[in-house]
Amino acid sequence: MAESVVFSVARYLGGLLAQEAEILGGVANQIVNIKDEMLRMQCFLKDADARQDESDLVGNWVSEIRELAYDVEDAIDSYILKAKAASFLNPKKYIRLHKIGKEIEMLQSKIQAITRSVSTYGFIRTDPGQGTSSTRGIRQQLRQSCPHYDDGDVIGIEDNINVLIAELINKEGPHLVSIVGMGGLGKTTLAIKVYNHNDVKRHFDCCAWSFISQQYQGRAILQEIIRKVGNQTGVETLNDGELKEKLYKQLEDKLYLLVLDDIWSKEAWDVLKPAFPKGKKGSKIMLTTRIKDVTLYADPSGFLQESRCLTEEQSWELFCKKAFLSKNVASSSSSLYHLEEEKKKLGRDMVKKCGGLPLAVVVLGGLLATKKSIHEWETVAKDIIRYLNKVEKNQEQYGVSWILSLSYHDLPSYLKSCFLYFSLYPEDTEVHKKELIQMWIAEDFVQHNGQETTKEEMGEQYLLELINRSMVQVGERSSRGKVKTCRLHDLMRDFCLWKAKQENFLCTFGGGSSTGDDSSSSSTASGMEQLTYCSLWWYGLTQDNKPLRMDGLKNLLSLKLGWGKKLQLEFALPKLVNLRTLVLHEIDSTDFSDDYDWSPLSHCRSLWKLYLFGGLRKLPKLEEFPPNLKKLKLNPSHLKEDPIPTLKTLPNLESLTLAKVYFISLWRARVSYYGGHDKIPKYYFPIEGFGRLQYLRLYKLELEELEVEEGALPCLLELRIERCYMLRMLPEGLRFITALNKMEIISMPITFYERVREYGEDWPKIQHIPSIIMR
């Protein structure tokens, strides 16, 4: 995460140097130096991110870099805002700028000191072939798969075993067979069962098993396989090329089976592949991996078995075998009387928390097997997540959280923030894909590659990569097979929440009480001064009848409020001096009365993204909007008056979305639809106003007519009209917007498409636009 933060800040500084060169003149040299130092830091941060759990020293170093990056961003933002507002005839304002300049200079010195500490304390990136830390070595030994070890307890995978055995002994089938799934789903257990099956052993001339892992060592793996398939020694003196050649010759005339357990990367496959011939017809290579793209890369036509979570009853059966040390407890009614009723109830409740993840069930069952009294079981039940990852007797457990963290640490930096953003959503939420990607874009997590792909398309690629890495699960698909909703496995979400808090990425307040009286709503911001993202739902009065205060969150960049009752912004906003993004989501229309006080928004000088997806009945006045607002999204469905006359006067507005929102609720397990009885059938964009607007999106509006005056919207670059089913035609004024270079028309009526296609009635209005997308 620190790597992605530093990269994001360095990229941000580069953009500022290009866009605000004149204003930054006094501190430009310091900013250039800071940017360069941060880019150099990235060489060390990826490995340090993965190692911070192993060492307090590394963890403190990573945390210090992350917070320092945020401090740099805040100081430079403050400098820009004050420089723009300052009259240099006022000496006091000049003194303030000078102080901030000194602060930036001090931050530059801190960054240089941290960079020096890299070499002083030996924070050097560990290459795959080098030794690892002792903690990592212990953990890797614990994870090392041993095909000869088979504890016999398998539940719910019998059918998968039979399918894989049939595929392996089928000489006409594909050469590559893969088992894919998230950590803890029992991929290795399934592979061991198949590998040791008598039918498989009898079928092949030779078999070999090799554990790969993230820190794979190609040379050691090749030596191990050579010893197993040829029973040969003395291979230590051979170089890498000779090892591959020797193994190739050993296998080329044999019917062989190789298992490569826990392979993480395409690079690992590329290293090993030259040593594997086709062999006799029917030879097989079996992979286990968390990353679907690895197996598709190795052989797109290979056989792929995706592991699934256990059902509730399967989980209970496996749990009983581990917790009660009896093979027949779960299935034999005659044995059940031995179980105290209290233990059975506690056990079933705890097993549900495992979410069907076999590893979690096994860890929990093994732990409770040592607990004899009801009191001990109750203690575990109170804090099951902590116990699932418990370290006992000073030895590293094969813990669930650490196993899941491997996938997180393997993520590229641009995906870490996207994954952690899932911690915003309540438990068991089906997250709508479009909503999620729009929020990623709003938070600047999506890195546009400058090619023809849009940010939305890039965001969809990010989501698919998280899905292919088995970190995010698909919920609902469209009739064409596209992802519509997604979710996290319960234990993956627990890890996500823990990691987000550890990284000071975000924190959530509130809970599931529909009355808004959840006890957690009395939480305050104490101890979370470095928090950067915050989400609150069921936001209302606390138990002591006082609204939640957010004093001290000077680093908060993004705030999301949902399902508000008696929403009082004056308690949340004035102290948030660095807030950049504010989302009011599913706020009840009864909150936003005609005389609602929006003035606290005007104090947020850093706020430049504002999303109002609630029951707005009246817009804030011009003087109540944030003074530097650049991006605005709002749902106009409840408005009683046309919003355009107010919005056109916003001096810095660059992006505007007017959307009537229909989606799966983030905060409740139901579908939400924002649409009032009042509708504004016509939007008129006059020549005055919207002087800086570059992006305009109209989504699902009950809009019949759109009028653009000649000379209006002079800076408009992109226009998107989507699902405005009542809109009859395009406005005549579009032909005069010479800056317009992209137009998207999505899911509109057939009659509308007939008008805008080439030689249609509206074609002359848009034929000058270089990129016109209709779908």
Foldseek 3Di string as FASTA:
>chain_A
DLLLLLVVLLVVLVVCCVVVVPLCVVQNVLSVLSSVLSVVCSQLVLQLVLCCVVDVVSVVLSLVSNLLSLVLVVLVLVLSLLSVVDDVVDVVSVVVNVVSSVVSVVSSVVSVVSSVVCVVVVSHHDALQDDDDPVVVQLVVVVFDDLVDAPPDDFDCPVVLVVVLVQLLPLPADQEEEEAAAFLLCRSNSVSSNCPDPSNVVRWPFEEEDEAAPSGDLVVRLQRVCCRLPVDDDCVPPDLVVSLVSLQVSAQATQYEYEYEADEDLVSCVSNVSSHDSHPRSRHYYYYYHFQVNRCVNPVRHHYHYGDFADLLRLLLSLCCLQVVDNCCSPDPVNVVVDDPLCVVLLSVLSVLVLRRNLLSNLVSNVNNPPDDSVVSVVCSVPVQCSQQDDPPNHGDNHDLVSNVSLLSPDDSLLNLLLLVLLQFAPPAWAFLQVSLVVCVVVVSQDDPPDPDDSSRSSLVSVVRCVSSNQKAADDADPVGHGGTIHGRSSSSVSSQVVCVSSLAEDEFDDQDPVLADQRQQDACPPSLQRAEYEYESQEAYPVRHGHAHANNQSHAEYEYEQYDLDDCVRYALRNQQHAEYHYAAHELVNADPPHDLQSQCNRQNHAHYEAEYQHADDDALSSHHLQHAEYEYECQNYPDACQVRQQPNPRHAEYEHEFDWDQDSRDRDTDGRHDPDADQEDEFELRGPPRHAYYEYYQGCYAYYEYDANGNQNHAEYEYENNANHQEDYQNLQRNLNHAEYEYEDYDPNHVQQCPVPHVCVNSCVNHNYYHYD
